[in-house]
Amino acid sequence: MKRLCDGRVVVMQGDITTVEADAIVNAANSTLLGGGGVDGAIHRVGGPEILEACRKIRETEWPEGLPPGRAVVTTAGRLSAKYVIHTVGPIWRGGNHGEDETLLSAYRESLKLAYKLGCKSIAFPAISTGVYGFPFERSVPLVCSVVKEYVSVFEKIILVFFSSRDYETFLLLQTLER
């Protein structure tokens, strides 16, 4: 684990479902009905309350599914967090289809929602860099730029990387203290 920005940003390798934070961000798919990776783990550990809340969002707010770059909030179920913020990142299509802007929006919208909810801490996975194919190295400066925008608003922003490779790569490429 590495602390940056006077301890306000924590970078760690691990399982996001075990992180202590007011809000945990879910790298969801548009259906909001669970899936693989982080999404599946959050639904599995958090329990059926999360899926039920997502179904209600689909019935009322987003019947066609949550668009990429947007964020919604549900209960955290059995997770230690108060909230799960679900956001949909971009699917990589070569980099010329607004992927960077959509990724930035997914992070910003999640942070704005957490702030509106009164959260003091928020934990993020690496959005879109798994099965959605967004190049991890390309995501790092984008994530850092958004974190810099909001670092003074939260007591703690936690970036959780599942693999040691992503954790080490992020630390090597991060620009939070440069």
C-alpha atoms as a PDB file:
ATOM      1  CA  MET A   1       0.000   0.000   0.000  1.00  0.00           C
ATOM      2  CA  LYS A   2       1.209   3.477  -0.888  1.00  0.00           C
ATOM      3  CA  ARG A   3      -0.141   6.793   0.393  1.00  0.00           C
ATOM      4  CA  LEU A   4       0.041   9.864  -1.827  1.00  0.00           C
ATOM      5  CA  CYS A   5      -1.139  13.479  -1.628  1.00  0.00           C
ATOM      6  CA  ASP A   6      -0.523  13.823   2.110  1.00  0.00           C
ATOM      7  CA  GLY A   7      -2.230  10.476   2.729  1.00  0.00           C
ATOM      8  CA  ARG A   8      -5.495  11.482   1.046  1.00  0.00           C
ATOM      9  CA  VAL A   9      -4.945   9.017  -1.827  1.00  0.00           C
ATOM     10  CA  VAL A  10      -4.298   5.379  -1.017  1.00  0.00           C
ATOM     11  CA  VAL A  11      -3.090   3.042  -3.758  1.00  0.00           C
ATOM     12  CA  MET A  12      -3.313  -0.643  -2.937  1.00  0.00           C
ATOM     13  CA  GLN A  13      -3.470  -4.135  -4.333  1.00  0.00           C
ATOM     14  CA  GLY A  14      -6.332  -6.243  -3.112  1.00  0.00           C
ATOM     15  CA  ASP A  15     -10.002  -7.116  -3.173  1.00  0.00           C
ATOM     16  CA  ILE A  16     -12.240  -4.040  -3.303  1.00  0.00           C
ATOM     17  CA  THR A  17     -15.032  -5.887  -1.482  1.00  0.00           C
ATOM     18  CA  THR A  18     -12.902  -5.884   1.689  1.00  0.00           C
ATOM     19  CA  VAL A  19     -11.968  -2.189   1.619  1.00  0.00           C
ATOM     20  CA  GLU A  20     -13.289   0.105   4.349  1.00  0.00           C
ATOM     21  CA  ALA A  21     -14.827   3.160   2.645  1.00  0.00           C
ATOM     22  CA  ASP A  22     -18.108   5.064   2.718  1.00  0.00           C
ATOM     23  CA  ALA A  23     -18.645   4.212  -0.957  1.00  0.00           C
ATOM     24  CA  ILE A  24     -17.284   1.466  -3.156  1.00  0.00           C
ATOM     25  CA  VAL A  25     -17.418   1.974  -6.904  1.00  0.00           C
ATOM     26  CA  ASN A  26     -18.587  -0.908  -9.037  1.00  0.00           C
ATOM     27  CA  ALA A  27     -17.259  -1.208 -12.577  1.00  0.00           C
ATOM     28  CA  ALA A  28     -20.706  -2.272 -13.767  1.00  0.00           C
ATOM     29  CA  ASN A  29     -22.126  -3.148 -17.130  1.00  0.00           C
ATOM     30  CA  SER A  30     -25.089  -1.247 -18.566  1.00  0.00           C
ATOM     31  CA  THR A  31     -27.624  -3.835 -17.406  1.00  0.00           C
ATOM     32  CA  LEU A  32     -26.694  -3.249 -13.721  1.00  0.00           C
ATOM     33  CA  LEU A  33     -27.626  -6.890 -13.144  1.00  0.00           C
ATOM     34  CA  GLY A  34     -24.214  -8.234 -12.214  1.00  0.00           C
ATOM     35  CA  GLY A  35     -21.510  -9.798 -14.300  1.00  0.00           C
ATOM     36  CA  GLY A  36     -17.930 -10.947 -13.974  1.00  0.00           C
ATOM     37  CA  GLY A  37     -14.849  -9.402 -12.418  1.00  0.00           C
ATOM     38  CA  VAL A  38     -15.387  -6.583  -9.922  1.00  0.00           C
ATOM     39  CA  ASP A  39     -19.094  -6.394 -10.762  1.00  0.00           C
ATOM     40  CA  GLY A  40     -19.665 -10.064  -9.971  1.00  0.00           C
ATOM     41  CA  ALA A  41     -17.592  -9.896  -6.789  1.00  0.00           C
ATOM     42  CA  ILE A  42     -19.494  -6.874  -5.451  1.00  0.00           C
ATOM     43  CA  HIS A  43     -22.857  -8.503  -6.146  1.00  0.00           C
ATOM     44  CA  ARG A  44     -21.716 -11.825  -4.652  1.00  0.00           C
ATOM     45  CA  VAL A  45     -20.263 -10.393  -1.453  1.00  0.00           C
ATOM     46  CA  GLY A  46     -22.816  -7.602  -1.060  1.00  0.00           C
ATOM     47  CA  GLY A  47     -25.752  -9.950  -1.446  1.00  0.00           C
ATOM     48  CA  PRO A  48     -29.159  -9.839  -3.102  1.00  0.00           C
ATOM     49  CA  GLU A  49     -30.058  -6.370  -1.790  1.00  0.00           C
ATOM     50  CA  ILE A  50     -27.715  -4.819  -4.349  1.00  0.00           C
ATOM     51  CA  LEU A  51     -29.286  -6.701  -7.251  1.00  0.00           C
ATOM     52  CA  GLU A  52     -32.771  -5.777  -6.057  1.00  0.00           C
ATOM     53  CA  ALA A  53     -31.815  -2.085  -5.870  1.00  0.00           C
ATOM     54  CA  CYS A  54     -30.293  -2.297  -9.358  1.00  0.00           C
ATOM     55  CA  ARG A  55     -33.492  -3.851 -10.705  1.00  0.00           C
ATOM     56  CA  LYS A  56     -35.478  -0.933  -9.278  1.00  0.00           C
ATOM     57  CA  ILE A  57     -33.144   1.544 -10.974  1.00  0.00           C
ATOM     58  CA  ARG A  58     -33.666  -0.298 -14.269  1.00  0.00           C
ATOM     59  CA  GLU A  59     -37.450  -0.206 -13.804  1.00  0.00           C
ATOM     60  CA  THR A  60     -37.602   3.489 -12.924  1.00  0.00           C
ATOM     61  CA  GLU A  61     -34.587   5.549 -13.991  1.00  0.00           C
ATOM     62  CA  TRP A  62     -32.725   3.617 -16.675  1.00  0.00           C
ATOM     63  CA  PRO A  63     -35.021   1.059 -18.386  1.00  0.00           C
ATOM     64  CA  GLU A  64     -32.637   0.796 -21.360  1.00  0.00           C
ATOM     65  CA  GLY A  65     -29.603   0.366 -19.112  1.00  0.00           C
ATOM     66  CA  LEU A  66     -27.110   2.765 -17.573  1.00  0.00           C
ATOM     67  CA  PRO A  67     -25.160   4.615 -20.286  1.00  0.00           C
ATOM     68  CA  PRO A  68     -21.347   4.578 -20.220  1.00  0.00           C
ATOM     69  CA  GLY A  69     -19.920   7.456 -18.206  1.00  0.00           C
ATOM     70  CA  ARG A  70     -22.927   7.739 -15.875  1.00  0.00           C
ATOM     71  CA  ALA A  71     -23.238   6.613 -12.243  1.00  0.00           C
ATOM     72  CA  VAL A  72     -26.016   5.522  -9.885  1.00  0.00           C
ATOM     73  CA  VAL A  73     -26.061   4.536  -6.220  1.00  0.00           C
ATOM     74  CA  THR A  74     -27.486   1.560  -4.341  1.00  0.00           C
ATOM     75  CA  THR A  75     -27.248   0.067  -0.909  1.00  0.00           C
ATOM     76  CA  ALA A  76     -24.028  -1.795  -0.172  1.00  0.00           C
ATOM     77  CA  GLY A  77     -25.852  -4.819   1.225  1.00  0.00           C
ATOM     78  CA  ARG A  78     -23.448  -6.899   3.307  1.00  0.00           C
ATOM     79  CA  LEU A  79     -20.382  -4.888   2.291  1.00  0.00           C
ATOM     80  CA  SER A  80     -18.842  -2.672   4.970  1.00  0.00           C
ATOM     81  CA  ALA A  81     -19.457   0.435   2.848  1.00  0.00           C
ATOM     82  CA  LYS A  82     -22.605   2.556   3.117  1.00  0.00           C
ATOM     83  CA  TYR A  83     -23.088   2.704  -0.648  1.00  0.00           C
ATOM     84  CA  VAL A  84     -22.162   1.069  -3.910  1.00  0.00           C
ATOM     85  CA  ILE A  85     -21.807   3.524  -6.762  1.00  0.00           C
ATOM     86  CA  HIS A  86     -22.279   1.722 -10.071  1.00  0.00           C
ATOM     87  CA  THR A  87     -20.641   3.245 -13.127  1.00  0.00           C
ATOM     88  CA  VAL A  88     -20.192   1.995 -16.664  1.00  0.00           C
ATOM     89  CA  GLY A  89     -16.870   2.651 -18.306  1.00  0.00           C
ATOM     90  CA  PRO A  90     -16.126   2.639 -22.014  1.00  0.00           C
ATOM     91  CA  ILE A  91     -15.548  -0.423 -24.118  1.00  0.00           C
ATOM     92  CA  TRP A  92     -12.236   0.068 -25.923  1.00  0.00           C
ATOM     93  CA  ARG A  93     -12.723   0.509 -29.670  1.00  0.00           C
ATOM     94  CA  GLY A  94      -9.303   1.787 -30.638  1.00  0.00           C
ATOM     95  CA  GLY A  95      -9.237   5.109 -28.811  1.00  0.00           C
ATOM     96  CA  ASN A  96     -10.973   7.314 -31.361  1.00  0.00           C
ATOM     97  CA  HIS A  97     -14.560   6.849 -30.166  1.00  0.00           C
ATOM     98  CA  GLY A  98     -14.606   9.028 -27.051  1.00  0.00           C
ATOM     99  CA  GLU A  99     -13.222   6.344 -24.762  1.00  0.00           C
ATOM    100  CA  ASP A 100     -10.990   8.743 -22.788  1.00  0.00           C
ATOM    101  CA  GLU A 101     -13.846  11.190 -22.179  1.00  0.00           C
ATOM    102  CA  THR A 102     -16.187   8.384 -21.148  1.00  0.00           C
ATOM    103  CA  LEU A 103     -13.647   6.982 -18.691  1.00  0.00           C
ATOM    104  CA  LEU A 104     -13.107  10.445 -17.194  1.00  0.00           C
ATOM    105  CA  SER A 105     -16.874  10.854 -16.898  1.00  0.00           C
ATOM    106  CA  ALA A 106     -17.276   7.494 -15.124  1.00  0.00           C
ATOM    107  CA  TYR A 107     -14.777   8.569 -12.453  1.00  0.00           C
ATOM    108  CA  ARG A 108     -16.107  12.155 -12.182  1.00  0.00           C
ATOM    109  CA  GLU A 109     -19.754  11.131 -11.969  1.00  0.00           C
ATOM    110  CA  SER A 110     -18.898   8.625  -9.230  1.00  0.00           C
ATOM    111  CA  LEU A 111     -17.001  11.248  -7.241  1.00  0.00           C
ATOM    112  CA  LYS A 112     -19.772  13.825  -7.662  1.00  0.00           C
ATOM    113  CA  LEU A 113     -22.363  11.316  -6.465  1.00  0.00           C
ATOM    114  CA  ALA A 114     -20.246  10.314  -3.453  1.00  0.00           C
ATOM    115  CA  TYR A 115     -19.780  13.968  -2.540  1.00  0.00           C
ATOM    116  CA  LYS A 116     -23.525  14.615  -2.854  1.00  0.00           C
ATOM    117  CA  LEU A 117     -24.145  11.646  -0.521  1.00  0.00           C
ATOM    118  CA  GLY A 118     -21.770  13.101   2.081  1.00  0.00           C
ATOM    119  CA  CYS A 119     -19.131  10.402   1.710  1.00  0.00           C
ATOM    120  CA  LYS A 120     -15.731  11.120   3.176  1.00  0.00           C
ATOM    121  CA  SER A 121     -14.042   8.130   1.525  1.00  0.00           C
ATOM    122  CA  ILE A 122     -14.477   6.307  -1.773  1.00  0.00           C
ATOM    123  CA  ALA A 123     -12.781   3.227  -3.254  1.00  0.00           C
ATOM    124  CA  PHE A 124     -12.345   2.642  -6.983  1.00  0.00           C
ATOM    125  CA  PRO A 125     -11.357  -0.420  -8.996  1.00  0.00           C
ATOM    126  CA  ALA A 126      -9.579   0.049 -12.334  1.00  0.00           C
ATOM    127  CA  ILE A 127     -12.627   0.869 -14.468  1.00  0.00           C
ATOM    128  CA  SER A 128     -12.762  -0.570 -18.015  1.00  0.00           C
ATOM    129  CA  THR A 129      -9.228  -2.003 -17.994  1.00  0.00           C
ATOM    130  CA  GLY A 130     -10.358  -5.629 -17.726  1.00  0.00           C
ATOM    131  CA  VAL A 131     -12.757  -7.248 -20.169  1.00  0.00           C
ATOM    132  CA  TYR A 132     -13.694  -3.826 -21.626  1.00  0.00           C
ATOM    133  CA  GLY A 133     -10.109  -3.652 -22.929  1.00  0.00           C
ATOM    134  CA  PHE A 134      -9.155  -0.051 -22.092  1.00  0.00           C
ATOM    135  CA  PRO A 135      -5.324  -0.032 -22.063  1.00  0.00           C
ATOM    136  CA  PHE A 136      -4.238   0.179 -18.431  1.00  0.00           C
ATOM    137  CA  GLU A 137      -1.233   2.405 -19.144  1.00  0.00           C
ATOM    138  CA  ARG A 138      -3.472   4.864 -20.998  1.00  0.00           C
ATOM    139  CA  SER A 139      -5.915   4.979 -18.074  1.00  0.00           C
ATOM    140  CA  VAL A 140      -3.351   6.023 -15.452  1.00  0.00           C
ATOM    141  CA  PRO A 141      -2.905   9.719 -16.391  1.00  0.00           C
ATOM    142  CA  LEU A 142      -6.674  10.051 -16.895  1.00  0.00           C
ATOM    143  CA  VAL A 143      -7.431   8.612 -13.456  1.00  0.00           C
ATOM    144  CA  CYS A 144      -4.743  10.802 -11.884  1.00  0.00           C
ATOM    145  CA  SER A 145      -6.204  13.934 -13.468  1.00  0.00           C
ATOM    146  CA  VAL A 146      -9.659  13.262 -11.996  1.00  0.00           C
ATOM    147  CA  VAL A 147      -8.263  12.312  -8.585  1.00  0.00           C
ATOM    148  CA  LYS A 148      -6.324  15.593  -8.521  1.00  0.00           C
ATOM    149  CA  GLU A 149      -9.580  17.479  -9.175  1.00  0.00           C
ATOM    150  CA  TYR A 150     -11.300  15.873  -6.159  1.00  0.00           C
ATOM    151  CA  VAL A 151      -8.497  15.075  -3.703  1.00  0.00           C
ATOM    152  CA  SER A 152      -9.306  18.060  -1.501  1.00  0.00           C
ATOM    153  CA  VAL A 153     -13.007  17.127  -1.336  1.00  0.00           C
ATOM    154  CA  PHE A 154     -12.532  13.701   0.291  1.00  0.00           C
ATOM    155  CA  GLU A 155     -10.612  12.513   3.314  1.00  0.00           C
ATOM    156  CA  LYS A 156      -9.568   9.452   1.346  1.00  0.00           C
ATOM    157  CA  ILE A 157      -9.712   8.280  -2.273  1.00  0.00           C
ATOM    158  CA  ILE A 158      -8.658   4.641  -2.500  1.00  0.00           C
ATOM    159  CA  LEU A 159      -7.508   3.100  -5.771  1.00  0.00           C
ATOM    160  CA  VAL A 160      -7.668  -0.680  -5.539  1.00  0.00           C
ATOM    161  CA  PHE A 161      -5.910  -2.857  -8.096  1.00  0.00           C
ATOM    162  CA  PHE A 162      -6.593  -6.560  -8.192  1.00  0.00           C
ATOM    163  CA  SER A 163      -3.292  -7.556  -9.813  1.00  0.00           C
ATOM    164  CA  SER A 164       0.201  -6.757  -8.598  1.00  0.00           C
ATOM    165  CA  ARG A 165       1.108  -5.835 -12.183  1.00  0.00           C
ATOM    166  CA  ASP A 166      -1.554  -3.100 -12.303  1.00  0.00           C
ATOM    167  CA  TYR A 167      -0.623  -1.881  -8.830  1.00  0.00           C
ATOM    168  CA  GLU A 168       3.080  -1.613  -9.711  1.00  0.00           C
ATOM    169  CA  THR A 169       2.348  -0.068 -13.123  1.00  0.00           C
ATOM    170  CA  PHE A 170       0.085   2.558 -11.575  1.00  0.00           C
ATOM    171  CA  LEU A 171       2.743   3.542  -9.030  1.00  0.00           C
ATOM    172  CA  LEU A 172       5.343   3.775 -11.774  1.00  0.00           C
ATOM    173  CA  LEU A 173       3.176   5.942 -14.066  1.00  0.00           C
ATOM    174  CA  GLN A 174       1.143   7.981 -11.549  1.00  0.00           C
ATOM    175  CA  THR A 175       1.408  11.744 -11.659  1.00  0.00           C
ATOM    176  CA  LEU A 176      -0.334  12.583  -8.395  1.00  0.00           C
ATOM    177  CA  GLU A 177       2.808  13.879  -6.716  1.00  0.00           C
ATOM    178  CA  ARG A 178       4.808  15.068  -9.694  1.00  0.00           C
END
